Amino acid sequence: MKFGVLRVVAVTLLLVISLAGWGQERRRVIIDQDAAGPGGTDQQSILLLIQSPQTEILGITVVTGDQWLKAEVAHTLRMLELIGRTDIPVVPGAEYPLVRTQQETELWEQQYGLIPWKGAWTARFYHPADELGDLPEGKPSTKPADQDAAHFLVRTVRK
């Protein structure tokens, strides 16, 4: 008898806890990501957040990282087209690293040793920043937002 009452109390408690978050407001999220594509871990992490019922995506800001900005923006725009979420703005950020230039990186390597992965500067994948590169998923028909990521972040957070 005592065990049955404890079981009912435990099940009721679990039900109440699980339903507590049911009616809560979704978390508003700005995704800030170097968005190498197509279909790599950068894009996969973006997809997880977009598909979560617990999040409302306010925008995706993109910077140069594993690939150049122009390519990463194009991959992100095309991904959003493919999943039917062109309502999410894609906002370009920094095209070049804010801290170190390619020449500074090369000097650092001469002094301390090879850096095996340098993102967009990695020799075997390198192409100039203004070239789009290969887009196996196809070129997007949508355009990025008409402002820079820094101003988008400030404006959106102040809303």
N, C-alpha and C. Protein backbone atom coordinates (compact mmCIF):
# COMPACT_ATOMS: atom_id res chain seq x y z
N MET A 1 0.83 -1.20 0.00
CA MET A 1 0.00 0.00 0.00
C MET A 1 0.87 1.26 0.00
N LYS A 2 1.85 1.27 0.93
CA LYS A 2 2.73 2.42 1.04
C LYS A 2 3.54 2.61 -0.25
N PHE A 3 3.99 1.48 -0.85
CA PHE A 3 4.76 1.53 -2.10
C PHE A 3 3.90 2.07 -3.24
N GLY A 4 2.64 1.71 -3.28
CA GLY A 4 1.72 2.19 -4.32
C GLY A 4 1.49 3.69 -4.23
N VAL A 5 1.36 4.21 -3.02
CA VAL A 5 1.17 5.65 -2.82
C VAL A 5 2.42 6.41 -3.26
N LEU A 6 3.59 5.88 -2.90
CA LEU A 6 4.85 6.51 -3.31
C LEU A 6 4.98 6.53 -4.83
N ARG A 7 4.56 5.46 -5.48
CA ARG A 7 4.64 5.39 -6.93
C ARG A 7 3.72 6.45 -7.56
N VAL A 8 2.52 6.59 -7.05
CA VAL A 8 1.58 7.60 -7.58
C VAL A 8 2.14 9.00 -7.37
N VAL A 9 2.71 9.26 -6.20
CA VAL A 9 3.29 10.57 -5.92
C VAL A 9 4.47 10.83 -6.86
N ALA A 10 5.32 9.84 -7.07
CA ALA A 10 6.48 10.00 -7.95
C ALA A 10 6.05 10.27 -9.39
N VAL A 11 5.09 9.52 -9.89
CA VAL A 11 4.60 9.72 -11.26
C VAL A 11 3.96 11.09 -11.40
N THR A 12 3.18 11.49 -10.41
CA THR A 12 2.54 12.82 -10.45
C THR A 12 3.59 13.92 -10.45
N LEU A 13 4.60 13.77 -9.61
CA LEU A 13 5.67 14.76 -9.54
C LEU A 13 6.42 14.86 -10.87
N LEU A 14 6.74 13.73 -11.48
CA LEU A 14 7.40 13.73 -12.78
C LEU A 14 6.54 14.39 -13.85
N LEU A 15 5.25 14.13 -13.81
CA LEU A 15 4.33 14.73 -14.78
C LEU A 15 4.28 16.24 -14.61
N VAL A 16 4.20 16.70 -13.38
CA VAL A 16 4.16 18.14 -13.11
C VAL A 16 5.45 18.81 -13.56
N ILE A 17 6.59 18.19 -13.27
CA ILE A 17 7.88 18.75 -13.68
C ILE A 17 7.99 18.82 -15.19
N SER A 18 7.59 17.75 -15.87
CA SER A 18 7.71 17.75 -17.34
C SER A 18 6.76 18.74 -18.00
N LEU A 19 5.62 18.98 -17.41
CA LEU A 19 4.66 19.92 -17.99
C LEU A 19 4.97 21.37 -17.62
N ALA A 20 5.83 21.57 -16.63
CA ALA A 20 6.14 22.94 -16.18
C ALA A 20 6.74 23.77 -17.30
N GLY A 21 7.58 23.19 -18.13
CA GLY A 21 8.20 23.92 -19.22
C GLY A 21 7.37 23.97 -20.48
N TRP A 22 6.26 23.26 -20.51
CA TRP A 22 5.45 23.14 -21.73
C TRP A 22 4.94 24.48 -22.23
N GLY A 23 4.46 25.33 -21.37
CA GLY A 23 3.88 26.59 -21.80
C GLY A 23 4.84 27.76 -21.76
N GLN A 24 6.11 27.50 -21.46
CA GLN A 24 7.07 28.59 -21.36
C GLN A 24 7.37 29.19 -22.72
N GLU A 25 7.73 30.45 -22.69
CA GLU A 25 8.10 31.17 -23.90
C GLU A 25 9.40 30.59 -24.46
N ARG A 26 9.47 30.53 -25.77
CA ARG A 26 10.68 30.02 -26.42
C ARG A 26 11.84 30.99 -26.20
N ARG A 27 13.05 30.45 -26.15
CA ARG A 27 14.24 31.29 -26.00
C ARG A 27 14.55 31.95 -27.33
N ARG A 28 14.77 33.24 -27.28
CA ARG A 28 15.15 33.98 -28.49
C ARG A 28 16.67 33.90 -28.64
N VAL A 29 17.10 33.47 -29.83
CA VAL A 29 18.51 33.18 -30.05
C VAL A 29 19.01 33.88 -31.31
N ILE A 30 20.20 34.48 -31.21
CA ILE A 30 20.94 34.93 -32.39
C ILE A 30 22.10 33.95 -32.53
N ILE A 31 22.16 33.27 -33.66
CA ILE A 31 23.25 32.33 -33.90
C ILE A 31 24.42 33.11 -34.48
N ASP A 32 25.60 33.00 -33.85
CA ASP A 32 26.82 33.65 -34.34
C ASP A 32 27.80 32.53 -34.65
N GLN A 33 28.03 32.28 -35.93
CA GLN A 33 28.74 31.07 -36.32
C GLN A 33 29.53 31.29 -37.60
N ASP A 34 30.74 30.74 -37.66
CA ASP A 34 31.35 30.60 -38.97
C ASP A 34 30.65 29.37 -39.56
N ALA A 35 30.03 29.54 -40.66
CA ALA A 35 29.05 28.55 -41.14
C ALA A 35 29.54 27.80 -42.36
N ALA A 36 30.67 27.12 -42.22
CA ALA A 36 31.20 26.35 -43.35
C ALA A 36 30.17 25.32 -43.80
N GLY A 37 30.11 25.12 -45.08
CA GLY A 37 29.13 24.18 -45.59
C GLY A 37 29.69 23.43 -46.77
N PRO A 38 28.90 22.63 -47.38
CA PRO A 38 27.54 22.28 -46.98
C PRO A 38 27.53 21.10 -46.02
N GLY A 39 26.66 21.12 -45.08
CA GLY A 39 26.38 19.96 -44.23
C GLY A 39 27.43 19.60 -43.21
N GLY A 40 28.40 20.46 -42.96
CA GLY A 40 29.40 20.16 -41.94
C GLY A 40 28.86 20.43 -40.54
N THR A 41 29.73 20.33 -39.56
CA THR A 41 29.29 20.49 -38.17
C THR A 41 28.77 21.90 -37.90
N ASP A 42 29.31 22.90 -38.59
CA ASP A 42 28.81 24.27 -38.40
C ASP A 42 27.35 24.35 -38.82
N GLN A 43 27.04 23.84 -39.99
CA GLN A 43 25.66 23.87 -40.49
C GLN A 43 24.76 22.97 -39.64
N GLN A 44 25.26 21.83 -39.20
CA GLN A 44 24.45 20.92 -38.40
C GLN A 44 24.04 21.57 -37.08
N SER A 45 24.97 22.30 -36.45
CA SER A 45 24.62 22.94 -35.18
C SER A 45 23.57 24.03 -35.39
N ILE A 46 23.64 24.72 -36.52
CA ILE A 46 22.62 25.72 -36.84
C ILE A 46 21.27 25.04 -37.02
N LEU A 47 21.25 23.94 -37.76
CA LEU A 47 20.00 23.21 -37.99
C LEU A 47 19.36 22.74 -36.70
N LEU A 48 20.17 22.26 -35.75
CA LEU A 48 19.62 21.80 -34.47
C LEU A 48 18.88 22.92 -33.76
N LEU A 49 19.47 24.10 -33.73
CA LEU A 49 18.81 25.22 -33.06
C LEU A 49 17.55 25.66 -33.80
N ILE A 50 17.61 25.70 -35.13
CA ILE A 50 16.45 26.12 -35.91
C ILE A 50 15.28 25.18 -35.70
N GLN A 51 15.56 23.89 -35.62
CA GLN A 51 14.50 22.89 -35.50
C GLN A 51 14.00 22.70 -34.08
N SER A 52 14.67 23.27 -33.11
CA SER A 52 14.25 23.10 -31.72
C SER A 52 12.95 23.86 -31.46
N PRO A 53 11.97 23.20 -30.85
CA PRO A 53 10.73 23.90 -30.50
C PRO A 53 10.92 24.88 -29.35
N GLN A 54 12.09 24.84 -28.71
CA GLN A 54 12.36 25.71 -27.57
C GLN A 54 13.05 27.02 -27.96
N THR A 55 13.36 27.19 -29.25
CA THR A 55 14.07 28.40 -29.66
C THR A 55 13.33 29.15 -30.76
N GLU A 56 13.49 30.44 -30.74
CA GLU A 56 13.04 31.33 -31.81
C GLU A 56 14.31 32.00 -32.34
N ILE A 57 14.68 31.71 -33.57
CA ILE A 57 15.92 32.23 -34.14
C ILE A 57 15.67 33.63 -34.70
N LEU A 58 16.37 34.61 -34.16
CA LEU A 58 16.20 36.01 -34.58
C LEU A 58 17.09 36.35 -35.77
N GLY A 59 18.15 35.60 -35.97
CA GLY A 59 19.05 35.83 -37.09
C GLY A 59 20.29 34.98 -36.95
N ILE A 60 21.04 34.90 -38.04
CA ILE A 60 22.31 34.17 -38.05
C ILE A 60 23.38 35.14 -38.52
N THR A 61 24.35 35.43 -37.65
CA THR A 61 25.48 36.27 -38.05
C THR A 61 26.63 35.34 -38.42
N VAL A 62 27.31 35.67 -39.51
CA VAL A 62 28.33 34.79 -40.07
C VAL A 62 29.64 35.57 -40.23
N VAL A 63 30.74 34.94 -39.86
CA VAL A 63 32.07 35.53 -40.05
C VAL A 63 32.97 34.52 -40.76
N THR A 64 34.07 35.01 -41.32
CA THR A 64 35.07 34.10 -41.88
C THR A 64 35.60 33.20 -40.78
N GLY A 65 35.72 31.94 -41.11
CA GLY A 65 36.27 30.96 -40.17
C GLY A 65 36.92 29.85 -40.94
N ASP A 66 36.23 28.71 -41.02
CA ASP A 66 36.76 27.58 -41.79
C ASP A 66 36.78 27.89 -43.28
N GLN A 67 35.88 28.75 -43.73
CA GLN A 67 35.83 29.21 -45.12
C GLN A 67 35.72 30.73 -45.10
N TRP A 68 35.81 31.34 -46.28
CA TRP A 68 35.68 32.79 -46.37
C TRP A 68 34.22 33.21 -46.18
N LEU A 69 34.04 34.43 -45.73
CA LEU A 69 32.72 34.98 -45.42
C LEU A 69 31.73 34.80 -46.56
N LYS A 70 32.13 35.15 -47.77
CA LYS A 70 31.22 35.09 -48.92
C LYS A 70 30.67 33.67 -49.11
N ALA A 71 31.52 32.67 -49.00
CA ALA A 71 31.09 31.28 -49.16
C ALA A 71 30.22 30.83 -47.99
N GLU A 72 30.59 31.21 -46.78
CA GLU A 72 29.82 30.78 -45.61
C GLU A 72 28.43 31.41 -45.61
N VAL A 73 28.32 32.65 -46.02
CA VAL A 73 27.01 33.29 -46.14
C VAL A 73 26.18 32.57 -47.19
N ALA A 74 26.78 32.25 -48.34
CA ALA A 74 26.06 31.55 -49.41
C ALA A 74 25.59 30.17 -48.96
N HIS A 75 26.44 29.42 -48.27
CA HIS A 75 26.04 28.10 -47.76
C HIS A 75 24.87 28.23 -46.79
N THR A 76 24.92 29.22 -45.92
CA THR A 76 23.86 29.41 -44.93
C THR A 76 22.55 29.81 -45.60
N LEU A 77 22.61 30.74 -46.53
CA LEU A 77 21.40 31.14 -47.26
C LEU A 77 20.78 29.95 -47.98
N ARG A 78 21.62 29.15 -48.64
CA ARG A 78 21.11 27.99 -49.38
C ARG A 78 20.52 26.95 -48.44
N MET A 79 21.15 26.73 -47.28
CA MET A 79 20.60 25.79 -46.31
C MET A 79 19.21 26.23 -45.86
N LEU A 80 19.06 27.53 -45.59
CA LEU A 80 17.76 28.05 -45.16
C LEU A 80 16.72 27.89 -46.26
N GLU A 81 17.12 28.07 -47.51
CA GLU A 81 16.20 27.85 -48.63
C GLU A 81 15.76 26.39 -48.68
N LEU A 82 16.70 25.48 -48.50
CA LEU A 82 16.39 24.05 -48.59
C LEU A 82 15.45 23.58 -47.49
N ILE A 83 15.51 24.21 -46.32
CA ILE A 83 14.63 23.79 -45.22
C ILE A 83 13.40 24.70 -45.09
N GLY A 84 13.25 25.64 -46.02
CA GLY A 84 12.07 26.50 -46.00
C GLY A 84 12.05 27.53 -44.89
N ARG A 85 13.20 28.04 -44.49
CA ARG A 85 13.27 29.04 -43.40
C ARG A 85 13.96 30.32 -43.85
N THR A 86 13.57 30.83 -44.99
CA THR A 86 14.16 32.07 -45.49
C THR A 86 13.70 33.28 -44.70
N ASP A 87 12.83 33.08 -43.71
CA ASP A 87 12.40 34.16 -42.82
C ASP A 87 13.50 34.55 -41.84
N ILE A 88 14.51 33.71 -41.68
CA ILE A 88 15.60 33.99 -40.75
C ILE A 88 16.67 34.80 -41.49
N PRO A 89 16.98 36.02 -41.00
CA PRO A 89 18.00 36.82 -41.69
C PRO A 89 19.41 36.26 -41.49
N VAL A 90 20.20 36.32 -42.54
CA VAL A 90 21.61 35.96 -42.49
C VAL A 90 22.39 37.26 -42.63
N VAL A 91 23.23 37.55 -41.64
CA VAL A 91 23.88 38.85 -41.57
C VAL A 91 25.40 38.68 -41.60
N PRO A 92 26.06 39.21 -42.63
CA PRO A 92 27.52 39.07 -42.74
C PRO A 92 28.25 39.88 -41.67
N GLY A 93 29.31 39.27 -41.15
CA GLY A 93 30.17 39.94 -40.18
C GLY A 93 31.54 40.20 -40.77
N ALA A 94 32.57 39.94 -39.98
CA ALA A 94 33.95 40.24 -40.38
C ALA A 94 34.43 39.30 -41.48
N GLU A 95 35.04 39.90 -42.51
CA GLU A 95 35.59 39.10 -43.60
C GLU A 95 36.99 38.58 -43.26
N TYR A 96 37.73 39.34 -42.48
CA TYR A 96 39.09 38.95 -42.09
C TYR A 96 39.16 38.88 -40.58
N PRO A 97 40.07 38.06 -40.03
CA PRO A 97 40.23 38.00 -38.58
C PRO A 97 40.52 39.39 -38.00
N LEU A 98 40.01 39.65 -36.84
CA LEU A 98 40.18 40.96 -36.22
C LEU A 98 41.51 41.08 -35.49
N VAL A 99 42.18 39.96 -35.23
CA VAL A 99 43.38 39.98 -34.41
C VAL A 99 44.66 39.76 -35.20
N ARG A 100 44.69 38.82 -36.11
CA ARG A 100 45.94 38.45 -36.76
C ARG A 100 45.76 38.38 -38.28
N THR A 101 46.74 38.90 -39.01
CA THR A 101 46.71 38.82 -40.47
C THR A 101 47.34 37.50 -40.92
N GLN A 102 47.20 37.21 -42.20
CA GLN A 102 47.82 36.01 -42.75
C GLN A 102 49.34 36.09 -42.61
N GLN A 103 49.91 37.26 -42.86
CA GLN A 103 51.35 37.43 -42.75
C GLN A 103 51.83 37.23 -41.30
N GLU A 104 51.09 37.76 -40.34
CA GLU A 104 51.45 37.56 -38.93
C GLU A 104 51.38 36.08 -38.56
N THR A 105 50.41 35.38 -39.10
CA THR A 105 50.29 33.95 -38.84
C THR A 105 51.49 33.20 -39.40
N GLU A 106 51.91 33.55 -40.61
CA GLU A 106 53.08 32.91 -41.22
C GLU A 106 54.35 33.19 -40.42
N LEU A 107 54.51 34.41 -39.93
CA LEU A 107 55.66 34.75 -39.09
C LEU A 107 55.64 33.95 -37.79
N TRP A 108 54.46 33.81 -37.21
CA TRP A 108 54.31 33.04 -35.98
C TRP A 108 54.75 31.60 -36.22
N GLU A 109 54.32 31.03 -37.36
CA GLU A 109 54.69 29.65 -37.70
C GLU A 109 56.20 29.50 -37.87
N GLN A 110 56.86 30.50 -38.45
CA GLN A 110 58.31 30.44 -38.62
C GLN A 110 59.01 30.39 -37.27
N GLN A 111 58.43 31.07 -36.30
CA GLN A 111 59.06 31.14 -34.98
C GLN A 111 58.69 29.95 -34.09
N TYR A 112 57.43 29.49 -34.14
CA TYR A 112 56.95 28.50 -33.18
C TYR A 112 56.56 27.15 -33.78
N GLY A 113 56.42 27.08 -35.09
CA GLY A 113 56.03 25.81 -35.71
C GLY A 113 54.70 25.90 -36.44
N LEU A 114 54.46 24.89 -37.23
CA LEU A 114 53.31 24.85 -38.11
C LEU A 114 51.98 24.79 -37.35
N ILE A 115 51.04 25.58 -37.79
CA ILE A 115 49.66 25.49 -37.31
C ILE A 115 48.93 24.62 -38.34
N PRO A 116 48.48 23.43 -37.96
CA PRO A 116 47.92 22.51 -38.96
C PRO A 116 46.62 22.99 -39.60
N TRP A 117 45.79 23.70 -38.87
CA TRP A 117 44.52 24.16 -39.44
C TRP A 117 44.43 25.67 -39.27
N LYS A 118 44.29 26.36 -40.39
CA LYS A 118 44.23 27.82 -40.36
C LYS A 118 42.93 28.33 -40.96
N GLY A 119 41.90 27.50 -40.94
CA GLY A 119 40.62 27.92 -41.48
C GLY A 119 40.71 28.28 -42.94
N ALA A 120 40.19 29.44 -43.29
CA ALA A 120 40.15 29.88 -44.70
C ALA A 120 41.55 30.04 -45.29
N TRP A 121 42.57 30.15 -44.44
CA TRP A 121 43.94 30.28 -44.94
C TRP A 121 44.62 28.92 -45.15
N THR A 122 43.97 27.82 -44.83
CA THR A 122 44.58 26.51 -45.00
C THR A 122 44.90 26.29 -46.48
N ALA A 123 46.16 25.99 -46.76
CA ALA A 123 46.67 25.99 -48.14
C ALA A 123 45.90 25.08 -49.09
N ARG A 124 45.54 23.88 -48.67
CA ARG A 124 44.89 22.96 -49.60
C ARG A 124 43.47 23.37 -49.97
N PHE A 125 42.85 24.25 -49.20
CA PHE A 125 41.50 24.72 -49.51
C PHE A 125 41.48 26.18 -49.94
N TYR A 126 42.64 26.80 -50.00
CA TYR A 126 42.70 28.25 -50.17
C TYR A 126 42.20 28.72 -51.54
N HIS A 127 41.44 29.79 -51.51
CA HIS A 127 41.11 30.59 -52.68
C HIS A 127 40.91 32.02 -52.17
N PRO A 128 41.01 33.01 -53.02
CA PRO A 128 40.86 34.40 -52.55
C PRO A 128 39.49 34.64 -51.88
N ALA A 129 39.48 35.57 -50.94
CA ALA A 129 38.27 35.85 -50.16
C ALA A 129 37.10 36.30 -51.02
N ASP A 130 37.38 36.96 -52.13
CA ASP A 130 36.28 37.49 -52.95
C ASP A 130 35.70 36.45 -53.91
N GLU A 131 36.28 35.26 -53.98
CA GLU A 131 35.73 34.19 -54.81
C GLU A 131 34.77 33.35 -53.99
N LEU A 132 33.71 32.90 -54.61
CA LEU A 132 32.70 32.12 -53.89
C LEU A 132 33.16 30.69 -53.64
N GLY A 133 33.89 30.11 -54.55
CA GLY A 133 34.28 28.72 -54.38
C GLY A 133 33.16 27.79 -54.82
N ASP A 134 33.30 26.53 -54.49
CA ASP A 134 32.36 25.50 -54.92
C ASP A 134 31.14 25.45 -54.00
N LEU A 135 29.95 25.42 -54.58
CA LEU A 135 28.71 25.27 -53.81
C LEU A 135 27.96 24.04 -54.32
N PRO A 136 28.29 22.84 -53.81
CA PRO A 136 27.65 21.63 -54.31
C PRO A 136 26.13 21.63 -54.15
N GLU A 137 25.63 22.34 -53.16
CA GLU A 137 24.19 22.38 -52.92
C GLU A 137 23.47 23.38 -53.82
N GLY A 138 24.22 24.13 -54.60
CA GLY A 138 23.64 25.14 -55.50
C GLY A 138 23.72 26.53 -54.91
N LYS A 139 23.70 27.52 -55.78
CA LYS A 139 23.77 28.91 -55.32
C LYS A 139 22.41 29.36 -54.78
N PRO A 140 22.44 30.17 -53.72
CA PRO A 140 21.18 30.66 -53.16
C PRO A 140 20.54 31.73 -54.05
N SER A 141 19.22 31.80 -53.97
CA SER A 141 18.52 32.87 -54.69
C SER A 141 18.17 34.02 -53.75
N THR A 142 18.26 33.78 -52.45
CA THR A 142 18.00 34.83 -51.46
C THR A 142 19.29 35.60 -51.18
N LYS A 143 19.15 36.76 -50.59
CA LYS A 143 20.28 37.65 -50.31
C LYS A 143 20.46 37.81 -48.80
N PRO A 144 21.69 38.11 -48.37
CA PRO A 144 21.90 38.38 -46.95
C PRO A 144 21.29 39.72 -46.55
N ALA A 145 21.19 39.92 -45.25
CA ALA A 145 20.68 41.18 -44.72
C ALA A 145 21.57 42.33 -45.18
N ASP A 146 20.99 43.50 -45.21
CA ASP A 146 21.66 44.68 -45.77
C ASP A 146 22.41 45.48 -44.71
N GLN A 147 22.84 44.84 -43.63
CA GLN A 147 23.59 45.53 -42.59
C GLN A 147 24.70 44.60 -42.11
N ASP A 148 25.60 45.12 -41.29
CA ASP A 148 26.67 44.28 -40.78
C ASP A 148 26.24 43.62 -39.46
N ALA A 149 26.94 42.55 -39.12
CA ALA A 149 26.57 41.75 -37.95
C ALA A 149 26.63 42.54 -36.65
N ALA A 150 27.63 43.39 -36.48
CA ALA A 150 27.76 44.14 -35.23
C ALA A 150 26.53 45.02 -34.98
N HIS A 151 26.09 45.74 -36.00
CA HIS A 151 24.91 46.60 -35.83
C HIS A 151 23.64 45.77 -35.66
N PHE A 152 23.55 44.65 -36.36
CA PHE A 152 22.39 43.76 -36.21
C PHE A 152 22.30 43.26 -34.77
N LEU A 153 23.44 42.83 -34.20
CA LEU A 153 23.44 42.33 -32.82
C LEU A 153 22.95 43.40 -31.85
N VAL A 154 23.49 44.60 -31.97
CA VAL A 154 23.11 45.69 -31.07
C VAL A 154 21.63 46.03 -31.23
N ARG A 155 21.19 46.20 -32.47
CA ARG A 155 19.80 46.57 -32.73
C ARG A 155 18.83 45.49 -32.22
N THR A 156 19.16 44.23 -32.46
CA THR A 156 18.26 43.15 -32.07
C THR A 156 18.20 42.98 -30.56
N VAL A 157 19.32 43.10 -29.89
CA VAL A 157 19.34 42.95 -28.43
C VAL A 157 18.56 44.08 -27.76
N ARG A 158 18.57 45.25 -28.34
CA ARG A 158 17.87 46.40 -27.75
C ARG A 158 16.36 46.36 -27.95
N LYS A 159 15.88 45.48 -28.80
CA LYS A 159 14.42 45.38 -29.02
C LYS A 159 13.70 44.87 -27.80
